[in-house]
Amino acid sequence: MKKDHDELQKELKRMKKIMHFTSQKIANELGISVQMPFIDESIIKFVQTLPVNLLVNQNDGVKFGKWILRKAFENDLPSNVIWREKTPMQDGSGTVGLIKMFDSVITDDIFKEKIKK
């Protein structure tokens, strides 16, 4: 692993400060409760005690996070679920298509002209 335990813990702390989950905000607006066990403080404290190789490791040459969680369910869930590679949120939201559409409609020159105003 390229990052040692201290480096990974520092990165996890940084991520905890900046990560926001839209599901929580949407739930609040709708007056419903969303439970997110993986961001519970007791779980976070427990995970911080684990060695790096249980948090991030490789399977068939591909790096995966949540290693210990994947291994825990390896006998209960299909392999294609356990070892599914993470896809960026924007891929599932459909914004990639919008970006391509905007790129085809709005040239760089048009964009530069509009931001001057």
N, C-alpha and C. Protein backbone atom coordinates (compact mmCIF):
# COMPACT_ATOMS: atom_id res chain seq x y z
N MET A 1 0.84 -1.17 0.00
CA MET A 1 0.00 0.00 0.00
C MET A 1 0.89 1.24 0.00
N LYS A 2 0.51 2.20 -0.78
CA LYS A 2 1.32 3.41 -0.88
C LYS A 2 1.20 4.28 0.36
N LYS A 3 0.02 4.37 0.92
CA LYS A 3 -0.18 5.23 2.09
C LYS A 3 -0.04 4.40 3.36
N ASP A 4 0.67 4.95 4.33
CA ASP A 4 0.75 4.25 5.61
C ASP A 4 -0.49 4.61 6.43
N HIS A 5 -0.60 4.01 7.59
CA HIS A 5 -1.79 4.18 8.43
C HIS A 5 -2.03 5.64 8.79
N ASP A 6 -0.99 6.36 9.18
CA ASP A 6 -1.15 7.77 9.57
C ASP A 6 -1.64 8.63 8.41
N GLU A 7 -1.07 8.38 7.22
CA GLU A 7 -1.50 9.15 6.05
C GLU A 7 -2.96 8.88 5.72
N LEU A 8 -3.35 7.61 5.80
CA LEU A 8 -4.74 7.25 5.50
C LEU A 8 -5.69 7.86 6.52
N GLN A 9 -5.32 7.82 7.79
CA GLN A 9 -6.17 8.41 8.83
C GLN A 9 -6.33 9.91 8.62
N LYS A 10 -5.25 10.58 8.23
CA LYS A 10 -5.30 12.01 7.96
C LYS A 10 -6.25 12.30 6.80
N GLU A 11 -6.16 11.48 5.75
CA GLU A 11 -7.04 11.65 4.59
C GLU A 11 -8.50 11.38 4.96
N LEU A 12 -8.75 10.36 5.77
CA LEU A 12 -10.12 10.05 6.20
C LEU A 12 -10.70 11.19 7.04
N LYS A 13 -9.89 11.78 7.90
CA LYS A 13 -10.36 12.92 8.70
C LYS A 13 -10.69 14.11 7.81
N ARG A 14 -9.85 14.34 6.80
CA ARG A 14 -10.10 15.44 5.86
C ARG A 14 -11.41 15.19 5.11
N MET A 15 -11.61 13.97 4.67
CA MET A 15 -12.82 13.64 3.93
C MET A 15 -14.07 13.79 4.80
N LYS A 16 -13.96 13.39 6.05
CA LYS A 16 -15.10 13.49 6.97
C LYS A 16 -15.57 14.94 7.10
N LYS A 17 -14.62 15.87 7.09
CA LYS A 17 -14.96 17.29 7.23
C LYS A 17 -15.67 17.84 6.01
N ILE A 18 -15.31 17.35 4.83
CA ILE A 18 -15.84 17.96 3.61
C ILE A 18 -16.97 17.17 2.95
N MET A 19 -17.15 15.91 3.33
CA MET A 19 -18.18 15.10 2.68
C MET A 19 -19.57 15.46 3.19
N HIS A 20 -20.47 15.64 2.27
CA HIS A 20 -21.86 15.90 2.60
C HIS A 20 -22.71 14.95 1.78
N PHE A 21 -23.74 14.43 2.40
CA PHE A 21 -24.59 13.47 1.72
C PHE A 21 -25.93 14.11 1.40
N THR A 22 -26.23 14.19 0.12
CA THR A 22 -27.48 14.83 -0.29
C THR A 22 -28.69 14.09 0.24
N SER A 23 -28.57 12.79 0.48
CA SER A 23 -29.71 12.03 0.99
C SER A 23 -30.17 12.58 2.34
N GLN A 24 -29.24 13.02 3.17
CA GLN A 24 -29.60 13.58 4.47
C GLN A 24 -30.37 14.88 4.32
N LYS A 25 -29.91 15.74 3.44
CA LYS A 25 -30.57 17.02 3.22
C LYS A 25 -31.97 16.82 2.62
N ILE A 26 -32.07 15.93 1.66
CA ILE A 26 -33.37 15.65 1.04
C ILE A 26 -34.33 15.07 2.07
N ALA A 27 -33.84 14.14 2.89
CA ALA A 27 -34.68 13.53 3.93
C ALA A 27 -35.18 14.59 4.90
N ASN A 28 -34.31 15.49 5.31
CA ASN A 28 -34.72 16.56 6.23
C ASN A 28 -35.83 17.41 5.62
N GLU A 29 -35.69 17.73 4.34
CA GLU A 29 -36.71 18.53 3.64
C GLU A 29 -38.04 17.80 3.58
N LEU A 30 -37.99 16.48 3.47
CA LEU A 30 -39.21 15.67 3.38
C LEU A 30 -39.74 15.24 4.74
N GLY A 31 -39.01 15.59 5.79
CA GLY A 31 -39.44 15.23 7.13
C GLY A 31 -39.30 13.75 7.46
N ILE A 32 -38.34 13.10 6.81
CA ILE A 32 -38.10 11.69 7.10
C ILE A 32 -36.68 11.51 7.63
N SER A 33 -36.45 10.36 8.23
CA SER A 33 -35.15 10.07 8.83
C SER A 33 -34.36 9.12 7.93
N VAL A 34 -33.11 9.42 7.75
CA VAL A 34 -32.20 8.55 7.00
C VAL A 34 -31.11 8.11 7.96
N GLN A 35 -30.91 6.81 8.06
CA GLN A 35 -29.85 6.28 8.92
C GLN A 35 -28.62 5.99 8.07
N MET A 36 -27.49 6.49 8.50
CA MET A 36 -26.24 6.28 7.78
C MET A 36 -25.20 5.70 8.74
N PRO A 37 -25.25 4.38 8.93
CA PRO A 37 -24.39 3.76 9.95
C PRO A 37 -22.90 3.95 9.74
N PHE A 38 -22.46 4.11 8.50
CA PHE A 38 -21.02 4.20 8.26
C PHE A 38 -20.44 5.56 8.62
N ILE A 39 -21.29 6.54 8.91
CA ILE A 39 -20.76 7.82 9.38
C ILE A 39 -21.10 8.04 10.85
N ASP A 40 -21.57 7.00 11.51
CA ASP A 40 -21.80 7.06 12.95
C ASP A 40 -20.44 7.19 13.65
N GLU A 41 -20.38 8.05 14.64
CA GLU A 41 -19.11 8.34 15.31
C GLU A 41 -18.46 7.09 15.91
N SER A 42 -19.26 6.17 16.46
CA SER A 42 -18.68 4.95 17.05
C SER A 42 -18.06 4.06 15.98
N ILE A 43 -18.67 4.00 14.81
CA ILE A 43 -18.10 3.22 13.70
C ILE A 43 -16.81 3.87 13.22
N ILE A 44 -16.82 5.18 13.09
CA ILE A 44 -15.62 5.90 12.64
C ILE A 44 -14.47 5.67 13.61
N LYS A 45 -14.75 5.75 14.91
CA LYS A 45 -13.69 5.53 15.91
C LYS A 45 -13.14 4.11 15.82
N PHE A 46 -14.04 3.13 15.62
CA PHE A 46 -13.60 1.74 15.49
C PHE A 46 -12.71 1.57 14.25
N VAL A 47 -13.14 2.11 13.14
CA VAL A 47 -12.39 1.98 11.89
C VAL A 47 -11.00 2.60 12.02
N GLN A 48 -10.89 3.67 12.79
CA GLN A 48 -9.60 4.32 12.98
C GLN A 48 -8.60 3.45 13.73
N THR A 49 -9.07 2.40 14.37
CA THR A 49 -8.17 1.49 15.08
C THR A 49 -7.68 0.34 14.20
N LEU A 50 -8.24 0.20 13.02
CA LEU A 50 -7.91 -0.92 12.14
C LEU A 50 -6.65 -0.64 11.32
N PRO A 51 -5.90 -1.69 11.00
CA PRO A 51 -4.73 -1.50 10.14
C PRO A 51 -5.18 -1.12 8.71
N VAL A 52 -4.34 -0.40 8.02
CA VAL A 52 -4.65 0.10 6.68
C VAL A 52 -5.07 -1.02 5.74
N ASN A 53 -4.40 -2.17 5.81
CA ASN A 53 -4.71 -3.25 4.85
C ASN A 53 -6.12 -3.82 5.03
N LEU A 54 -6.80 -3.51 6.13
CA LEU A 54 -8.20 -3.91 6.29
C LEU A 54 -9.15 -2.84 5.76
N LEU A 55 -8.63 -1.66 5.54
CA LEU A 55 -9.45 -0.56 5.02
C LEU A 55 -9.36 -0.48 3.50
N VAL A 56 -8.14 -0.58 2.99
CA VAL A 56 -7.89 -0.51 1.55
C VAL A 56 -6.97 -1.65 1.19
N ASN A 57 -7.35 -2.40 0.15
CA ASN A 57 -6.52 -3.51 -0.30
C ASN A 57 -6.86 -3.80 -1.75
N GLN A 58 -6.25 -4.84 -2.29
CA GLN A 58 -6.49 -5.16 -3.70
C GLN A 58 -7.16 -6.51 -3.87
N ASN A 59 -7.94 -6.62 -4.93
CA ASN A 59 -8.54 -7.88 -5.35
C ASN A 59 -8.32 -7.98 -6.86
N ASP A 60 -7.64 -9.02 -7.28
CA ASP A 60 -7.31 -9.20 -8.70
C ASP A 60 -6.64 -7.96 -9.29
N GLY A 61 -5.75 -7.34 -8.52
CA GLY A 61 -4.99 -6.20 -9.00
C GLY A 61 -5.72 -4.87 -9.00
N VAL A 62 -6.96 -4.86 -8.49
CA VAL A 62 -7.74 -3.62 -8.44
C VAL A 62 -7.86 -3.19 -6.98
N LYS A 63 -7.59 -1.90 -6.72
CA LYS A 63 -7.65 -1.38 -5.35
C LYS A 63 -9.10 -1.11 -4.96
N PHE A 64 -9.46 -1.55 -3.75
CA PHE A 64 -10.80 -1.36 -3.22
C PHE A 64 -10.75 -0.78 -1.82
N GLY A 65 -11.63 0.16 -1.56
CA GLY A 65 -11.85 0.65 -0.21
C GLY A 65 -12.88 -0.24 0.47
N LYS A 66 -13.12 0.04 1.75
CA LYS A 66 -14.08 -0.74 2.55
C LYS A 66 -13.75 -2.23 2.50
N TRP A 67 -12.47 -2.54 2.48
CA TRP A 67 -12.00 -3.91 2.31
C TRP A 67 -12.63 -4.86 3.33
N ILE A 68 -12.59 -4.50 4.59
CA ILE A 68 -13.09 -5.39 5.64
C ILE A 68 -14.59 -5.64 5.48
N LEU A 69 -15.33 -4.66 5.04
CA LEU A 69 -16.76 -4.81 4.80
C LEU A 69 -17.02 -5.75 3.63
N ARG A 70 -16.26 -5.60 2.57
CA ARG A 70 -16.39 -6.48 1.41
C ARG A 70 -16.08 -7.93 1.79
N LYS A 71 -15.00 -8.12 2.56
CA LYS A 71 -14.62 -9.47 2.98
C LYS A 71 -15.67 -10.08 3.90
N ALA A 72 -16.27 -9.26 4.75
CA ALA A 72 -17.28 -9.76 5.70
C ALA A 72 -18.49 -10.35 4.98
N PHE A 73 -18.82 -9.83 3.83
CA PHE A 73 -20.01 -10.29 3.10
C PHE A 73 -19.68 -11.15 1.88
N GLU A 74 -18.43 -11.53 1.76
CA GLU A 74 -17.98 -12.27 0.59
C GLU A 74 -18.74 -13.59 0.39
N ASN A 75 -19.13 -14.25 1.46
CA ASN A 75 -19.85 -15.52 1.35
C ASN A 75 -21.37 -15.34 1.28
N ASP A 76 -21.83 -14.11 1.45
CA ASP A 76 -23.27 -13.86 1.49
C ASP A 76 -23.81 -13.15 0.25
N LEU A 77 -22.96 -12.48 -0.47
CA LEU A 77 -23.37 -11.71 -1.65
C LEU A 77 -22.59 -12.17 -2.87
N PRO A 78 -23.18 -12.02 -4.06
CA PRO A 78 -22.45 -12.41 -5.27
C PRO A 78 -21.16 -11.61 -5.44
N SER A 79 -20.19 -12.25 -6.04
CA SER A 79 -18.88 -11.62 -6.25
C SER A 79 -18.98 -10.31 -7.03
N ASN A 80 -19.89 -10.26 -8.02
CA ASN A 80 -20.00 -9.03 -8.81
C ASN A 80 -20.57 -7.87 -8.00
N VAL A 81 -21.24 -8.17 -6.90
CA VAL A 81 -21.72 -7.12 -6.00
C VAL A 81 -20.60 -6.70 -5.06
N ILE A 82 -19.95 -7.69 -4.45
CA ILE A 82 -18.88 -7.42 -3.49
C ILE A 82 -17.74 -6.64 -4.13
N TRP A 83 -17.33 -7.03 -5.32
CA TRP A 83 -16.14 -6.45 -5.94
C TRP A 83 -16.49 -5.47 -7.06
N ARG A 84 -17.69 -4.90 -7.00
CA ARG A 84 -18.10 -3.89 -7.99
C ARG A 84 -17.25 -2.65 -7.78
N GLU A 85 -16.71 -2.13 -8.87
CA GLU A 85 -15.91 -0.91 -8.77
C GLU A 85 -16.83 0.29 -8.58
N LYS A 86 -16.37 1.21 -7.78
CA LYS A 86 -17.14 2.42 -7.49
C LYS A 86 -17.24 3.27 -8.75
N THR A 87 -18.44 3.79 -8.99
CA THR A 87 -18.61 4.70 -10.12
C THR A 87 -18.87 6.09 -9.57
N PRO A 88 -18.33 7.09 -10.22
CA PRO A 88 -18.54 8.46 -9.74
C PRO A 88 -20.03 8.80 -9.69
N MET A 89 -20.43 9.58 -8.69
CA MET A 89 -21.82 9.94 -8.48
C MET A 89 -22.42 10.57 -9.73
N GLN A 90 -21.66 11.39 -10.42
CA GLN A 90 -22.21 12.07 -11.58
C GLN A 90 -22.59 11.10 -12.70
N ASP A 91 -21.96 9.92 -12.75
CA ASP A 91 -22.33 8.94 -13.77
C ASP A 91 -23.75 8.45 -13.56
N GLY A 92 -24.13 8.22 -12.32
CA GLY A 92 -25.47 7.73 -12.02
C GLY A 92 -26.53 8.82 -12.07
N SER A 93 -26.13 10.05 -11.91
CA SER A 93 -27.09 11.15 -11.86
C SER A 93 -27.49 11.65 -13.24
N GLY A 94 -26.76 11.28 -14.26
CA GLY A 94 -27.08 11.72 -15.61
C GLY A 94 -26.44 13.04 -16.00
N THR A 95 -25.64 13.62 -15.12
CA THR A 95 -25.05 14.92 -15.45
C THR A 95 -23.98 14.82 -16.52
N VAL A 96 -23.42 13.64 -16.72
CA VAL A 96 -22.41 13.47 -17.77
C VAL A 96 -23.02 13.80 -19.12
N GLY A 97 -24.24 13.33 -19.35
CA GLY A 97 -24.94 13.62 -20.60
C GLY A 97 -25.19 15.10 -20.78
N LEU A 98 -25.54 15.78 -19.69
CA LEU A 98 -25.77 17.22 -19.76
C LEU A 98 -24.49 17.97 -20.12
N ILE A 99 -23.40 17.56 -19.51
CA ILE A 99 -22.11 18.21 -19.79
C ILE A 99 -21.76 18.06 -21.27
N LYS A 100 -21.95 16.86 -21.81
CA LYS A 100 -21.66 16.64 -23.23
C LYS A 100 -22.57 17.51 -24.10
N MET A 101 -23.84 17.61 -23.71
CA MET A 101 -24.78 18.41 -24.48
C MET A 101 -24.37 19.88 -24.44
N PHE A 102 -24.04 20.39 -23.25
CA PHE A 102 -23.61 21.79 -23.13
C PHE A 102 -22.34 22.05 -23.93
N ASP A 103 -21.41 21.10 -23.88
CA ASP A 103 -20.17 21.25 -24.65
C ASP A 103 -20.44 21.33 -26.15
N SER A 104 -21.45 20.62 -26.61
CA SER A 104 -21.75 20.64 -28.05
C SER A 104 -22.50 21.90 -28.47
N VAL A 105 -23.22 22.52 -27.54
CA VAL A 105 -24.04 23.69 -27.85
C VAL A 105 -23.30 25.00 -27.58
N ILE A 106 -22.51 25.02 -26.52
CA ILE A 106 -21.83 26.26 -26.10
C ILE A 106 -20.34 26.14 -26.39
N THR A 107 -19.89 26.89 -27.35
CA THR A 107 -18.46 26.85 -27.70
C THR A 107 -17.65 27.61 -26.64
N ASP A 108 -16.36 27.40 -26.65
CA ASP A 108 -15.47 28.13 -25.73
C ASP A 108 -15.58 29.63 -25.94
N ASP A 109 -15.68 30.04 -27.20
CA ASP A 109 -15.79 31.48 -27.50
C ASP A 109 -17.07 32.08 -26.91
N ILE A 110 -18.18 31.37 -27.07
CA ILE A 110 -19.45 31.85 -26.51
C ILE A 110 -19.34 31.94 -24.99
N PHE A 111 -18.76 30.91 -24.38
CA PHE A 111 -18.61 30.88 -22.92
C PHE A 111 -17.76 32.06 -22.44
N LYS A 112 -16.63 32.27 -23.09
CA LYS A 112 -15.73 33.38 -22.70
C LYS A 112 -16.43 34.72 -22.84
N GLU A 113 -17.22 34.87 -23.88
CA GLU A 113 -17.96 36.12 -24.09
C GLU A 113 -18.99 36.33 -22.98
N LYS A 114 -19.69 35.27 -22.60
CA LYS A 114 -20.74 35.38 -21.58
C LYS A 114 -20.16 35.69 -20.20
N ILE A 115 -19.00 35.14 -19.88
CA ILE A 115 -18.45 35.39 -18.53
C ILE A 115 -17.87 36.79 -18.40
N LYS A 116 -17.64 37.45 -19.52
CA LYS A 116 -17.15 38.84 -19.47
C LYS A 116 -18.24 39.78 -19.01
N LYS A 117 -19.50 39.40 -19.24
CA LYS A 117 -20.63 40.29 -18.92
C LYS A 117 -20.97 40.31 -17.47
